[in-house]
Amino acid sequence: MFDIGFWELSIIMVVALLVIGPERLPGLARKAGLYLGKARRFVSSVKNDINQELKAEELKRILQEQKDSTGLHEIVEETKKSISQAKQDYLVKSPETNQSPGTDKPEIKSDNNERSGQ
């Protein structure tokens, strides 16, 4: 904030001692410390208020983004519909090709009654 070194501070203290005097200097230092503490608390309070407002705005923005985006429930329902549609398509196509679902080879249909009767 301020670039005040040891020598600058000591010069300010000597000037204050000469101008104010040794009798009133401790009271003035006490008052200056009180006012400095109040100023720091005020600045800290303002910083906290600003941070809370920023967090509230960020939370509102996140909630709005989630509201605008597709919900997880809708995605799950869409996925379930896609899977059931794929199952139906697979089951409908399987009997037409004489293949059992889940196999790559066609089924061989044999009539055991004819062979056992001969």
PDB file of N, CA and C in Angstrom:
ATOM      1  N   MET A   1       0.832  -1.168   0.000  1.00  0.00           N
ATOM      2  CA  MET A   1       0.000   0.000   0.000  1.00  0.00           C
ATOM      3  C   MET A   1       0.888   1.246   0.000  1.00  0.00           C
ATOM      4  N   PHE A   2       1.469   1.573   1.119  1.00  0.00           N
ATOM      5  CA  PHE A   2       2.411   2.685   1.195  1.00  0.00           C
ATOM      6  C   PHE A   2       3.804   2.115   1.374  1.00  0.00           C
ATOM      7  N   ASP A   3       4.761   2.770   0.774  1.00  0.00           N
ATOM      8  CA  ASP A   3       6.137   2.313   0.902  1.00  0.00           C
ATOM      9  C   ASP A   3       6.855   3.225   1.896  1.00  0.00           C
ATOM     10  N   ILE A   4       6.556   2.988   3.182  1.00  0.00           N
ATOM     11  CA  ILE A   4       7.157   3.789   4.246  1.00  0.00           C
ATOM     12  C   ILE A   4       8.151   2.904   4.979  1.00  0.00           C
ATOM     13  N   GLY A   5       9.382   3.334   4.986  1.00  0.00           N
ATOM     14  CA  GLY A   5      10.429   2.579   5.655  1.00  0.00           C
ATOM     15  C   GLY A   5      10.642   3.062   7.085  1.00  0.00           C
ATOM     16  N   PHE A   6      11.665   2.528   7.716  1.00  0.00           N
ATOM     17  CA  PHE A   6      11.966   2.861   9.112  1.00  0.00           C
ATOM     18  C   PHE A   6      12.338   4.326   9.259  1.00  0.00           C
ATOM     19  N   TRP A   7      13.155   4.852   8.363  1.00  0.00           N
ATOM     20  CA  TRP A   7      13.628   6.233   8.496  1.00  0.00           C
ATOM     21  C   TRP A   7      12.497   7.228   8.272  1.00  0.00           C
ATOM     22  N   GLU A   8      11.594   6.954   7.343  1.00  0.00           N
ATOM     23  CA  GLU A   8      10.460   7.846   7.129  1.00  0.00           C
ATOM     24  C   GLU A   8       9.557   7.868   8.350  1.00  0.00           C
ATOM     25  N   LEU A   9       9.349   6.707   8.922  1.00  0.00           N
ATOM     26  CA  LEU A   9       8.503   6.609  10.113  1.00  0.00           C
ATOM     27  C   LEU A   9       9.125   7.335  11.301  1.00  0.00           C
ATOM     28  N   SER A  10      10.420   7.213  11.472  1.00  0.00           N
ATOM     29  CA  SER A  10      11.084   7.898  12.582  1.00  0.00           C
ATOM     30  C   SER A  10      11.044   9.418  12.400  1.00  0.00           C
ATOM     31  N   ILE A  11      11.151   9.919  11.198  1.00  0.00           N
ATOM     32  CA  ILE A  11      11.058  11.365  10.950  1.00  0.00           C
ATOM     33  C   ILE A  11       9.652  11.864  11.280  1.00  0.00           C
ATOM     34  N   ILE A  12       8.630  11.094  10.900  1.00  0.00           N
ATOM     35  CA  ILE A  12       7.248  11.479  11.214  1.00  0.00           C
ATOM     36  C   ILE A  12       7.048  11.526  12.730  1.00  0.00           C
ATOM     37  N   MET A  13       7.605  10.572  13.455  1.00  0.00           N
ATOM     38  CA  MET A  13       7.457  10.547  14.916  1.00  0.00           C
ATOM     39  C   MET A  13       8.160  11.751  15.555  1.00  0.00           C
ATOM     40  N   VAL A  14       9.310  12.117  15.098  1.00  0.00           N
ATOM     41  CA  VAL A  14      10.038  13.271  15.658  1.00  0.00           C
ATOM     42  C   VAL A  14       9.266  14.560  15.381  1.00  0.00           C
ATOM     43  N   VAL A  15       8.750  14.735  14.185  1.00  0.00           N
ATOM     44  CA  VAL A  15       7.969  15.929  13.850  1.00  0.00           C
ATOM     45  C   VAL A  15       6.709  15.992  14.702  1.00  0.00           C
ATOM     46  N   ALA A  16       6.035  14.851  14.870  1.00  0.00           N
ATOM     47  CA  ALA A  16       4.832  14.821  15.700  1.00  0.00           C
ATOM     48  C   ALA A  16       5.167  15.173  17.144  1.00  0.00           C
ATOM     49  N   LEU A  17       6.258  14.701  17.672  1.00  0.00           N
ATOM     50  CA  LEU A  17       6.671  15.008  19.035  1.00  0.00           C
ATOM     51  C   LEU A  17       6.931  16.498  19.189  1.00  0.00           C
ATOM     52  N   LEU A  18       7.563  17.110  18.198  1.00  0.00           N
ATOM     53  CA  LEU A  18       7.859  18.537  18.269  1.00  0.00           C
ATOM     54  C   LEU A  18       6.595  19.393  18.114  1.00  0.00           C
ATOM     55  N   VAL A  19       5.697  19.008  17.234  1.00  0.00           N
ATOM     56  CA  VAL A  19       4.507  19.812  16.970  1.00  0.00           C
ATOM     57  C   VAL A  19       3.467  19.637  18.071  1.00  0.00           C
ATOM     58  N   ILE A  20       3.196  18.407  18.459  1.00  0.00           N
ATOM     59  CA  ILE A  20       2.121  18.126  19.407  1.00  0.00           C
ATOM     60  C   ILE A  20       2.616  18.282  20.852  1.00  0.00           C
ATOM     61  N   GLY A  21       3.769  17.847  21.110  1.00  0.00           N
ATOM     62  CA  GLY A  21       4.308  17.933  22.459  1.00  0.00           C
ATOM     63  C   GLY A  21       4.234  16.593  23.155  1.00  0.00           C
ATOM     64  N   PRO A  22       5.100  16.402  24.162  1.00  0.00           N
ATOM     65  CA  PRO A  22       5.150  15.112  24.844  1.00  0.00           C
ATOM     66  C   PRO A  22       3.932  14.826  25.718  1.00  0.00           C
ATOM     67  N   GLU A  23       3.166  15.857  26.133  1.00  0.00           N
ATOM     68  CA  GLU A  23       2.017  15.612  27.017  1.00  0.00           C
ATOM     69  C   GLU A  23       0.824  15.052  26.247  1.00  0.00           C
ATOM     70  N   ARG A  24       0.575  15.542  25.033  1.00  0.00           N
ATOM     71  CA  ARG A  24      -0.608  15.128  24.274  1.00  0.00           C
ATOM     72  C   ARG A  24      -0.318  14.002  23.284  1.00  0.00           C
ATOM     73  N   LEU A  25       0.916  13.653  23.076  1.00  0.00           N
ATOM     74  CA  LEU A  25       1.274  12.628  22.082  1.00  0.00           C
ATOM     75  C   LEU A  25       0.697  11.250  22.420  1.00  0.00           C
ATOM     76  N   PRO A  26       0.737  10.748  23.684  1.00  0.00           N
ATOM     77  CA  PRO A  26       0.152   9.426  23.961  1.00  0.00           C
ATOM     78  C   PRO A  26      -1.356   9.370  23.703  1.00  0.00           C
ATOM     79  N   GLY A  27      -2.086  10.417  24.054  1.00  0.00           N
ATOM     80  CA  GLY A  27      -3.535  10.444  23.801  1.00  0.00           C
ATOM     81  C   GLY A  27      -3.834  10.458  22.312  1.00  0.00           C
ATOM     82  N   LEU A  28      -3.047  11.234  21.572  1.00  0.00           N
ATOM     83  CA  LEU A  28      -3.221  11.291  20.126  1.00  0.00           C
ATOM     84  C   LEU A  28      -2.903   9.939  19.475  1.00  0.00           C
ATOM     85  N   ALA A  29      -1.869   9.287  19.959  1.00  0.00           N
ATOM     86  CA  ALA A  29      -1.518   7.965  19.428  1.00  0.00           C
ATOM     87  C   ALA A  29      -2.632   6.962  19.710  1.00  0.00           C
ATOM     88  N   ARG A  30      -3.236   7.040  20.891  1.00  0.00           N
ATOM     89  CA  ARG A  30      -4.339   6.137  21.246  1.00  0.00           C
ATOM     90  C   ARG A  30      -5.525   6.366  20.309  1.00  0.00           C
ATOM     91  N   LYS A  31      -5.892   7.635  20.113  1.00  0.00           N
ATOM     92  CA  LYS A  31      -7.009   7.966  19.228  1.00  0.00           C
ATOM     93  C   LYS A  31      -6.721   7.531  17.786  1.00  0.00           C
ATOM     94  N   ALA A  32      -5.490   7.769  17.360  1.00  0.00           N
ATOM     95  CA  ALA A  32      -5.122   7.361  16.002  1.00  0.00           C
ATOM     96  C   ALA A  32      -5.233   5.845  15.856  1.00  0.00           C
ATOM     97  N   GLY A  33      -4.826   5.094  16.868  1.00  0.00           N
ATOM     98  CA  GLY A  33      -4.946   3.640  16.839  1.00  0.00           C
ATOM     99  C   GLY A  33      -6.401   3.193  16.794  1.00  0.00           C
ATOM    100  N   LEU A  34      -7.267   3.872  17.582  1.00  0.00           N
ATOM    101  CA  LEU A  34      -8.693   3.532  17.571  1.00  0.00           C
ATOM    102  C   LEU A  34      -9.310   3.790  16.195  1.00  0.00           C
ATOM    103  N   TYR A  35      -8.994   4.957  15.622  1.00  0.00           N
ATOM    104  CA  TYR A  35      -9.546   5.282  14.308  1.00  0.00           C
ATOM    105  C   TYR A  35      -9.001   4.334  13.228  1.00  0.00           C
ATOM    106  N   LEU A  36      -7.743   3.969  13.359  1.00  0.00           N
ATOM    107  CA  LEU A  36      -7.163   3.040  12.407  1.00  0.00           C
ATOM    108  C   LEU A  36      -7.836   1.665  12.512  1.00  0.00           C
ATOM    109  N   GLY A  37      -8.103   1.230  13.748  1.00  0.00           N
ATOM    110  CA  GLY A  37      -8.804  -0.047  13.946  1.00  0.00           C
ATOM    111  C   GLY A  37     -10.210  -0.015  13.377  1.00  0.00           C
ATOM    112  N   LYS A  38     -10.921   1.096  13.593  1.00  0.00           N
ATOM    113  CA  LYS A  38     -12.275   1.225  13.034  1.00  0.00           C
ATOM    114  C   LYS A  38     -12.236   1.203  11.508  1.00  0.00           C
ATOM    115  N   ALA A  39     -11.255   1.884  10.945  1.00  0.00           N
ATOM    116  CA  ALA A  39     -11.136   1.911   9.481  1.00  0.00           C
ATOM    117  C   ALA A  39     -10.848   0.510   8.943  1.00  0.00           C
ATOM    118  N   ARG A  40      -9.979  -0.226   9.617  1.00  0.00           N
ATOM    119  CA  ARG A  40      -9.670  -1.591   9.161  1.00  0.00           C
ATOM    120  C   ARG A  40     -10.895  -2.493   9.257  1.00  0.00           C
ATOM    121  N   ARG A  41     -11.658  -2.378  10.363  1.00  0.00           N
ATOM    122  CA  ARG A  41     -12.872  -3.190  10.508  1.00  0.00           C
ATOM    123  C   ARG A  41     -13.889  -2.837   9.429  1.00  0.00           C
ATOM    124  N   PHE A  42     -14.003  -1.530   9.128  1.00  0.00           N
ATOM    125  CA  PHE A  42     -14.932  -1.097   8.088  1.00  0.00           C
ATOM    126  C   PHE A  42     -14.538  -1.675   6.732  1.00  0.00           C
ATOM    127  N   VAL A  43     -13.267  -1.584   6.400  1.00  0.00           N
ATOM    128  CA  VAL A  43     -12.779  -2.118   5.120  1.00  0.00           C
ATOM    129  C   VAL A  43     -12.986  -3.628   5.062  1.00  0.00           C
ATOM    130  N   SER A  44     -12.731  -4.293   6.169  1.00  0.00           N
ATOM    131  CA  SER A  44     -12.934  -5.746   6.224  1.00  0.00           C
ATOM    132  C   SER A  44     -14.410  -6.091   6.040  1.00  0.00           C
ATOM    133  N   SER A  45     -15.291  -5.324   6.655  1.00  0.00           N
ATOM    134  CA  SER A  45     -16.727  -5.547   6.515  1.00  0.00           C
ATOM    135  C   SER A  45     -17.165  -5.353   5.062  1.00  0.00           C
ATOM    136  N   VAL A  46     -16.655  -4.307   4.423  1.00  0.00           N
ATOM    137  CA  VAL A  46     -17.010  -4.058   3.023  1.00  0.00           C
ATOM    138  C   VAL A  46     -16.505  -5.192   2.135  1.00  0.00           C
ATOM    139  N   LYS A  47     -15.288  -5.667   2.392  1.00  0.00           N
ATOM    140  CA  LYS A  47     -14.745  -6.786   1.610  1.00  0.00           C
ATOM    141  C   LYS A  47     -15.606  -8.035   1.778  1.00  0.00           C
ATOM    142  N   ASN A  48     -16.019  -8.320   3.012  1.00  0.00           N
ATOM    143  CA  ASN A  48     -16.857  -9.498   3.256  1.00  0.00           C
ATOM    144  C   ASN A  48     -18.200  -9.372   2.547  1.00  0.00           C
ATOM    145  N   ASP A  49     -18.795  -8.173   2.582  1.00  0.00           N
ATOM    146  CA  ASP A  49     -20.066  -7.967   1.892  1.00  0.00           C
ATOM    147  C   ASP A  49     -19.919  -8.166   0.387  1.00  0.00           C
ATOM    148  N   ILE A  50     -18.848  -7.651  -0.168  1.00  0.00           N
ATOM    149  CA  ILE A  50     -18.618  -7.809  -1.609  1.00  0.00           C
ATOM    150  C   ILE A  50     -18.416  -9.280  -1.959  1.00  0.00           C
ATOM    151  N   ASN A  51     -17.642  -9.995  -1.143  1.00  0.00           N
ATOM    152  CA  ASN A  51     -17.424 -11.420  -1.396  1.00  0.00           C
ATOM    153  C   ASN A  51     -18.724 -12.207  -1.308  1.00  0.00           C
ATOM    154  N   GLN A  52     -19.576 -11.867  -0.339  1.00  0.00           N
ATOM    155  CA  GLN A  52     -20.865 -12.557  -0.221  1.00  0.00           C
ATOM    156  C   GLN A  52     -21.739 -12.287  -1.441  1.00  0.00           C
ATOM    157  N   GLU A  53     -21.738 -11.054  -1.919  1.00  0.00           N
ATOM    158  CA  GLU A  53     -22.526 -10.726  -3.109  1.00  0.00           C
ATOM    159  C   GLU A  53     -22.001 -11.469  -4.340  1.00  0.00           C
ATOM    160  N   LEU A  54     -20.682 -11.538  -4.461  1.00  0.00           N
ATOM    161  CA  LEU A  54     -20.099 -12.258  -5.600  1.00  0.00           C
ATOM    162  C   LEU A  54     -20.447 -13.738  -5.544  1.00  0.00           C
ATOM    163  N   LYS A  55     -20.395 -14.321  -4.347  1.00  0.00           N
ATOM    164  CA  LYS A  55     -20.753 -15.737  -4.202  1.00  0.00           C
ATOM    165  C   LYS A  55     -22.225 -15.949  -4.516  1.00  0.00           C
ATOM    166  N   ALA A  56     -23.078 -15.025  -4.082  1.00  0.00           N
ATOM    167  CA  ALA A  56     -24.508 -15.142  -4.370  1.00  0.00           C
ATOM    168  C   ALA A  56     -24.759 -15.047  -5.871  1.00  0.00           C
ATOM    169  N   GLU A  57     -24.076 -14.117  -6.540  1.00  0.00           N
ATOM    170  CA  GLU A  57     -24.233 -13.979  -7.988  1.00  0.00           C
ATOM    171  C   GLU A  57     -23.743 -15.231  -8.713  1.00  0.00           C
ATOM    172  N   GLU A  58     -22.626 -15.789  -8.246  1.00  0.00           N
ATOM    173  CA  GLU A  58     -22.093 -16.999  -8.864  1.00  0.00           C
ATOM    174  C   GLU A  58     -23.061 -18.165  -8.674  1.00  0.00           C
ATOM    175  N   LEU A  59     -23.646 -18.260  -7.486  1.00  0.00           N
ATOM    176  CA  LEU A  59     -24.612 -19.322  -7.215  1.00  0.00           C
ATOM    177  C   LEU A  59     -25.843 -19.152  -8.098  1.00  0.00           C
ATOM    178  N   LYS A  60     -26.314 -17.923  -8.261  1.00  0.00           N
ATOM    179  CA  LYS A  60     -27.460 -17.674  -9.136  1.00  0.00           C
ATOM    180  C   LYS A  60     -27.138 -18.061 -10.573  1.00  0.00           C
ATOM    181  N   ARG A  61     -25.916 -17.737 -11.014  1.00  0.00           N
ATOM    182  CA  ARG A  61     -25.507 -18.070 -12.379  1.00  0.00           C
ATOM    183  C   ARG A  61     -25.461 -19.580 -12.580  1.00  0.00           C
ATOM    184  N   ILE A  62     -24.911 -20.293 -11.590  1.00  0.00           N
ATOM    185  CA  ILE A  62     -24.824 -21.752 -11.689  1.00  0.00           C
ATOM    186  C   ILE A  62     -26.214 -22.366 -11.714  1.00  0.00           C
ATOM    187  N   LEU A  63     -27.115 -21.882 -10.860  1.00  0.00           N
ATOM    188  CA  LEU A  63     -28.486 -22.400 -10.846  1.00  0.00           C
ATOM    189  C   LEU A  63     -29.190 -22.139 -12.171  1.00  0.00           C
ATOM    190  N   GLN A  64     -28.963 -20.962 -12.749  1.00  0.00           N
ATOM    191  CA  GLN A  64     -29.578 -20.650 -14.038  1.00  0.00           C
ATOM    192  C   GLN A  64     -29.033 -21.556 -15.140  1.00  0.00           C
ATOM    193  N   GLU A  65     -27.719 -21.830 -15.125  1.00  0.00           N
ATOM    194  CA  GLU A  65     -27.129 -22.730 -16.115  1.00  0.00           C
ATOM    195  C   GLU A  65     -27.706 -24.131 -15.981  1.00  0.00           C
ATOM    196  N   GLN A  66     -27.892 -24.592 -14.752  1.00  0.00           N
ATOM    197  CA  GLN A  66     -28.466 -25.919 -14.551  1.00  0.00           C
ATOM    198  C   GLN A  66     -29.921 -25.950 -14.973  1.00  0.00           C
ATOM    199  N   LYS A  67     -30.617 -24.853 -14.750  1.00  0.00           N
ATOM    200  CA  LYS A  67     -32.021 -24.780 -15.143  1.00  0.00           C
ATOM    201  C   LYS A  67     -32.147 -24.800 -16.665  1.00  0.00           C
ATOM    202  N   ASP A  68     -31.235 -24.114 -17.344  1.00  0.00           N
ATOM    203  CA  ASP A  68     -31.281 -24.045 -18.800  1.00  0.00           C
ATOM    204  C   ASP A  68     -30.798 -25.326 -19.470  1.00  0.00           C
ATOM    205  N   SER A  69     -29.921 -26.070 -18.809  1.00  0.00           N
ATOM    206  CA  SER A  69     -29.378 -27.285 -19.414  1.00  0.00           C
ATOM    207  C   SER A  69     -30.374 -28.434 -19.285  1.00  0.00           C
ATOM    208  N   THR A  70     -30.132 -29.472 -20.077  1.00  0.00           N
ATOM    209  CA  THR A  70     -30.974 -30.653 -20.031  1.00  0.00           C
ATOM    210  C   THR A  70     -30.767 -31.360 -18.698  1.00  0.00           C
ATOM    211  N   GLY A  71     -31.848 -31.709 -18.069  1.00  0.00           N
ATOM    212  CA  GLY A  71     -31.773 -32.359 -16.780  1.00  0.00           C
ATOM    213  C   GLY A  71     -31.279 -33.788 -16.894  1.00  0.00           C
ATOM    214  N   LEU A  72     -30.707 -34.282 -15.830  1.00  0.00           N
ATOM    215  CA  LEU A  72     -30.196 -35.647 -15.790  1.00  0.00           C
ATOM    216  C   LEU A  72     -31.338 -36.646 -15.951  1.00  0.00           C
ATOM    217  N   HIS A  73     -32.484 -36.331 -15.375  1.00  0.00           N
ATOM    218  CA  HIS A  73     -33.630 -37.232 -15.478  1.00  0.00           C
ATOM    219  C   HIS A  73     -34.055 -37.395 -16.941  1.00  0.00           C
ATOM    220  N   GLU A  74     -34.045 -36.310 -17.689  1.00  0.00           N
ATOM    221  CA  GLU A  74     -34.428 -36.382 -19.099  1.00  0.00           C
ATOM    222  C   GLU A  74     -33.424 -37.209 -19.891  1.00  0.00           C
ATOM    223  N   ILE A  75     -32.156 -37.086 -19.583  1.00  0.00           N
ATOM    224  CA  ILE A  75     -31.124 -37.859 -20.273  1.00  0.00           C
ATOM    225  C   ILE A  75     -31.301 -39.346 -19.996  1.00  0.00           C
ATOM    226  N   VAL A  76     -31.579 -39.696 -18.738  1.00  0.00           N
ATOM    227  CA  VAL A  76     -31.777 -41.098 -18.372  1.00  0.00           C
ATOM    228  C   VAL A  76     -32.996 -41.664 -19.100  1.00  0.00           C
ATOM    229  N   GLU A  77     -34.082 -40.911 -19.132  1.00  0.00           N
ATOM    230  CA  GLU A  77     -35.289 -41.383 -19.814  1.00  0.00           C
ATOM    231  C   GLU A  77     -35.042 -41.554 -21.315  1.00  0.00           C
ATOM    232  N   GLU A  78     -34.331 -40.642 -21.911  1.00  0.00           N
ATOM    233  CA  GLU A  78     -34.014 -40.751 -23.336  1.00  0.00           C
ATOM    234  C   GLU A  78     -33.150 -41.976 -23.613  1.00  0.00           C
ATOM    235  N   THR A  79     -32.192 -42.246 -22.721  1.00  0.00           N
ATOM    236  CA  THR A  79     -31.330 -43.416 -22.876  1.00  0.00           C
ATOM    237  C   THR A  79     -32.136 -44.701 -22.741  1.00  0.00           C
ATOM    238  N   LYS A  80     -33.056 -44.744 -21.784  1.00  0.00           N
ATOM    239  CA  LYS A  80     -33.905 -45.932 -21.610  1.00  0.00           C
ATOM    240  C   LYS A  80     -34.748 -46.177 -22.856  1.00  0.00           C
ATOM    241  N   LYS A  81     -35.299 -45.121 -23.419  1.00  0.00           N
ATOM    242  CA  LYS A  81     -36.115 -45.272 -24.630  1.00  0.00           C
ATOM    243  C   LYS A  81     -35.272 -45.780 -25.794  1.00  0.00           C
ATOM    244  N   SER A  82     -34.042 -45.260 -25.906  1.00  0.00           N
ATOM    245  CA  SER A  82     -33.153 -45.696 -26.988  1.00  0.00           C
ATOM    246  C   SER A  82     -32.795 -47.163 -26.829  1.00  0.00           C
ATOM    247  N   ILE A  83     -32.536 -47.591 -25.619  1.00  0.00           N
ATOM    248  CA  ILE A  83     -32.180 -48.990 -25.370  1.00  0.00           C
ATOM    249  C   ILE A  83     -33.371 -49.899 -25.664  1.00  0.00           C
ATOM    250  N   SER A  84     -34.560 -49.523 -25.211  1.00  0.00           N
ATOM    251  CA  SER A  84     -35.732 -50.369 -25.474  1.00  0.00           C
ATOM    252  C   SER A  84     -36.038 -50.423 -26.964  1.00  0.00           C
ATOM    253  N   GLN A  85     -35.843 -49.309 -27.668  1.00  0.00           N
ATOM    254  CA  GLN A  85     -36.054 -49.309 -29.110  1.00  0.00           C
ATOM    255  C   GLN A  85     -35.037 -50.211 -29.801  1.00  0.00           C
ATOM    256  N   ALA A  86     -33.783 -50.163 -29.359  1.00  0.00           N
ATOM    257  CA  ALA A  86     -32.755 -51.017 -29.950  1.00  0.00           C
ATOM    258  C   ALA A  86     -33.058 -52.488 -29.689  1.00  0.00           C
ATOM    259  N   LYS A  87     -33.545 -52.813 -28.500  1.00  0.00           N
ATOM    260  CA  LYS A  87     -33.912 -54.205 -28.189  1.00  0.00           C
ATOM    261  C   LYS A  87     -35.047 -54.669 -29.086  1.00  0.00           C
ATOM    262  N   GLN A  88     -36.050 -53.818 -29.271  1.00  0.00           N
ATOM    263  CA  GLN A  88     -37.178 -54.198 -30.122  1.00  0.00           C
ATOM    264  C   GLN A  88     -36.719 -54.400 -31.564  1.00  0.00           C
ATOM    265  N   ASP A  89     -35.880 -53.510 -32.052  1.00  0.00           N
ATOM    266  CA  ASP A  89     -35.373 -53.658 -33.416  1.00  0.00           C
ATOM    267  C   ASP A  89     -34.573 -54.949 -33.557  1.00  0.00           C
ATOM    268  N   TYR A  90     -33.782 -55.281 -32.587  1.00  0.00           N
ATOM    269  CA  TYR A  90     -32.958 -56.488 -32.619  1.00  0.00           C
ATOM    270  C   TYR A  90     -33.827 -57.726 -32.571  1.00  0.00           C
ATOM    271  N   LEU A  91     -34.829 -57.728 -31.706  1.00  0.00           N
ATOM    272  CA  LEU A  91     -35.699 -58.896 -31.592  1.00  0.00           C
ATOM    273  C   LEU A  91     -36.564 -59.069 -32.828  1.00  0.00           C
ATOM    274  N   VAL A  92     -36.946 -57.992 -33.459  1.00  0.00           N
ATOM    275  CA  VAL A  92     -37.764 -58.083 -34.669  1.00  0.00           C
ATOM    276  C   VAL A  92     -36.927 -58.614 -35.823  1.00  0.00           C
ATOM    277  N   LYS A  93     -35.682 -58.221 -35.936  1.00  0.00           N
ATOM    278  CA  LYS A  93     -34.828 -58.656 -37.029  1.00  0.00           C
ATOM    279  C   LYS A  93     -34.340 -60.088 -36.841  1.00  0.00           C
ATOM    280  N   SER A  94     -34.194 -60.552 -35.620  1.00  0.00           N
ATOM    281  CA  SER A  94     -33.631 -61.875 -35.358  1.00  0.00           C
ATOM    282  C   SER A  94     -34.451 -63.012 -35.940  1.00  0.00           C
ATOM    283  N   PRO A  95     -35.768 -63.102 -35.754  1.00  0.00           N
ATOM    284  CA  PRO A  95     -36.529 -64.229 -36.327  1.00  0.00           C
ATOM    285  C   PRO A  95     -36.539 -64.217 -37.847  1.00  0.00           C
ATOM    286  N   GLU A  96     -36.445 -63.083 -38.474  1.00  0.00           N
ATOM    287  CA  GLU A  96     -36.460 -63.024 -39.930  1.00  0.00           C
ATOM    288  C   GLU A  96     -35.240 -63.714 -40.525  1.00  0.00           C
ATOM    289  N   THR A  97     -34.116 -63.660 -39.854  1.00  0.00           N
ATOM    290  CA  THR A  97     -32.902 -64.264 -40.379  1.00  0.00           C
ATOM    291  C   THR A  97     -32.664 -65.657 -39.815  1.00  0.00           C
ATOM    292  N   ASN A  98     -33.600 -66.176 -39.062  1.00  0.00           N
ATOM    293  CA  ASN A  98     -33.481 -67.484 -38.416  1.00  0.00           C
ATOM    294  C   ASN A  98     -32.252 -67.555 -37.513  1.00  0.00           C
ATOM    295  N   GLN A  99     -31.966 -66.481 -36.865  1.00  0.00           N
ATOM    296  CA  GLN A  99     -30.863 -66.479 -35.911  1.00  0.00           C
ATOM    297  C   GLN A  99     -31.434 -66.220 -34.533  1.00  0.00           C
ATOM    298  N   SER A 100     -30.856 -66.904 -33.581  1.00  0.00           N
ATOM    299  CA  SER A 100     -31.290 -66.640 -32.212  1.00  0.00           C
ATOM    300  C   SER A 100     -30.564 -65.398 -31.722  1.00  0.00           C
ATOM    301  N   PRO A 101     -31.206 -64.598 -30.910  1.00  0.00           N
ATOM    302  CA  PRO A 101     -30.564 -63.376 -30.421  1.00  0.00           C
ATOM    303  C   PRO A 101     -29.274 -63.693 -29.679  1.00  0.00           C
ATOM    304  N   GLY A 102     -28.229 -62.984 -30.006  1.00  0.00           N
ATOM    305  CA  GLY A 102     -26.960 -63.149 -29.320  1.00  0.00           C
ATOM    306  C   GLY A 102     -26.026 -64.139 -29.981  1.00  0.00           C
ATOM    307  N   THR A 103     -26.439 -64.768 -31.101  1.00  0.00           N
ATOM    308  CA  THR A 103     -25.538 -65.702 -31.783  1.00  0.00           C
ATOM    309  C   THR A 103     -25.315 -65.214 -33.195  1.00  0.00           C
ATOM    310  N   ASP A 104     -24.210 -65.641 -33.764  1.00  0.00           N
ATOM    311  CA  ASP A 104     -23.891 -65.254 -35.136  1.00  0.00           C
ATOM    312  C   ASP A 104     -24.266 -66.342 -36.144  1.00  0.00           C
ATOM    313  N   LYS A 105     -24.527 -67.549 -35.661  1.00  0.00           N
ATOM    314  CA  LYS A 105     -24.811 -68.670 -36.550  1.00  0.00           C
ATOM    315  C   LYS A 105     -26.317 -68.893 -36.650  1.00  0.00           C
ATOM    316  N   PRO A 106     -26.804 -69.230 -37.823  1.00  0.00           N
ATOM    317  CA  PRO A 106     -28.231 -69.535 -37.944  1.00  0.00           C
ATOM    318  C   PRO A 106     -28.558 -70.846 -37.218  1.00  0.00           C
ATOM    319  N   GLU A 107     -29.793 -70.924 -36.740  1.00  0.00           N
ATOM    320  CA  GLU A 107     -30.219 -72.146 -36.035  1.00  0.00           C
ATOM    321  C   GLU A 107     -30.529 -73.234 -37.061  1.00  0.00           C
ATOM    322  N   ILE A 108     -30.216 -74.434 -36.682  1.00  0.00           N
ATOM    323  CA  ILE A 108     -30.545 -75.571 -37.534  1.00  0.00           C
ATOM    324  C   ILE A 108     -31.777 -76.209 -36.933  1.00  0.00           C
ATOM    325  N   LYS A 109     -32.853 -76.157 -37.723  1.00  0.00           N
ATOM    326  CA  LYS A 109     -34.104 -76.724 -37.226  1.00  0.00           C
ATOM    327  C   LYS A 109     -34.190 -78.159 -37.725  1.00  0.00           C
ATOM    328  N   SER A 110     -34.344 -79.054 -36.788  1.00  0.00           N
ATOM    329  CA  SER A 110     -34.489 -80.458 -37.170  1.00  0.00           C
ATOM    330  C   SER A 110     -35.717 -81.007 -36.502  1.00  0.00           C
ATOM    331  N   ASP A 111     -36.303 -81.938 -37.131  1.00  0.00           N
ATOM    332  CA  ASP A 111     -37.501 -82.541 -36.590  1.00  0.00           C
ATOM    333  C   ASP A 111     -37.109 -83.898 -36.040  1.00  0.00           C
ATOM    334  N   ASN A 112     -37.015 -84.022 -34.773  1.00  0.00           N
ATOM    335  CA  ASN A 112     -36.604 -85.259 -34.120  1.00  0.00           C
ATOM    336  C   ASN A 112     -37.642 -86.362 -34.281  1.00  0.00           C
ATOM    337  N   ASN A 113     -38.904 -86.006 -34.455  1.00  0.00           N
ATOM    338  CA  ASN A 113     -39.949 -87.004 -34.605  1.00  0.00           C
ATOM    339  C   ASN A 113     -39.792 -87.768 -35.907  1.00  0.00           C
ATOM    340  N   GLU A 114     -39.378 -87.091 -36.949  1.00  0.00           N
ATOM    341  CA  GLU A 114     -39.224 -87.763 -38.217  1.00  0.00           C
ATOM    342  C   GLU A 114     -38.090 -88.770 -38.160  1.00  0.00           C
ATOM    343  N   ARG A 115     -36.987 -88.445 -37.535  1.00  0.00           N
ATOM    344  CA  ARG A 115     -35.841 -89.335 -37.483  1.00  0.00           C
ATOM    345  C   ARG A 115     -36.117 -90.530 -36.570  1.00  0.00           C
ATOM    346  N   SER A 116     -36.779 -90.292 -35.473  1.00  0.00           N
ATOM    347  CA  SER A 116     -37.007 -91.398 -34.556  1.00  0.00           C
ATOM    348  C   SER A 116     -38.047 -92.352 -35.112  1.00  0.00           C
ATOM    349  N   GLY A 117     -38.903 -91.867 -35.979  1.00  0.00           N
ATOM    350  CA  GLY A 117     -39.936 -92.717 -36.555  1.00  0.00           C
ATOM    351  C   GLY A 117     -39.414 -93.563 -37.672  1.00  0.00           C
ATOM    352  N   GLN A 118     -38.337 -93.307 -38.268  1.00  0.00           N
ATOM    353  CA  GLN A 118     -37.858 -94.062 -39.401  1.00  0.00           C
ATOM    354  C   GLN A 118     -37.153 -95.278 -39.031  1.00  0.00           C
TER     355      GLN A 118
END
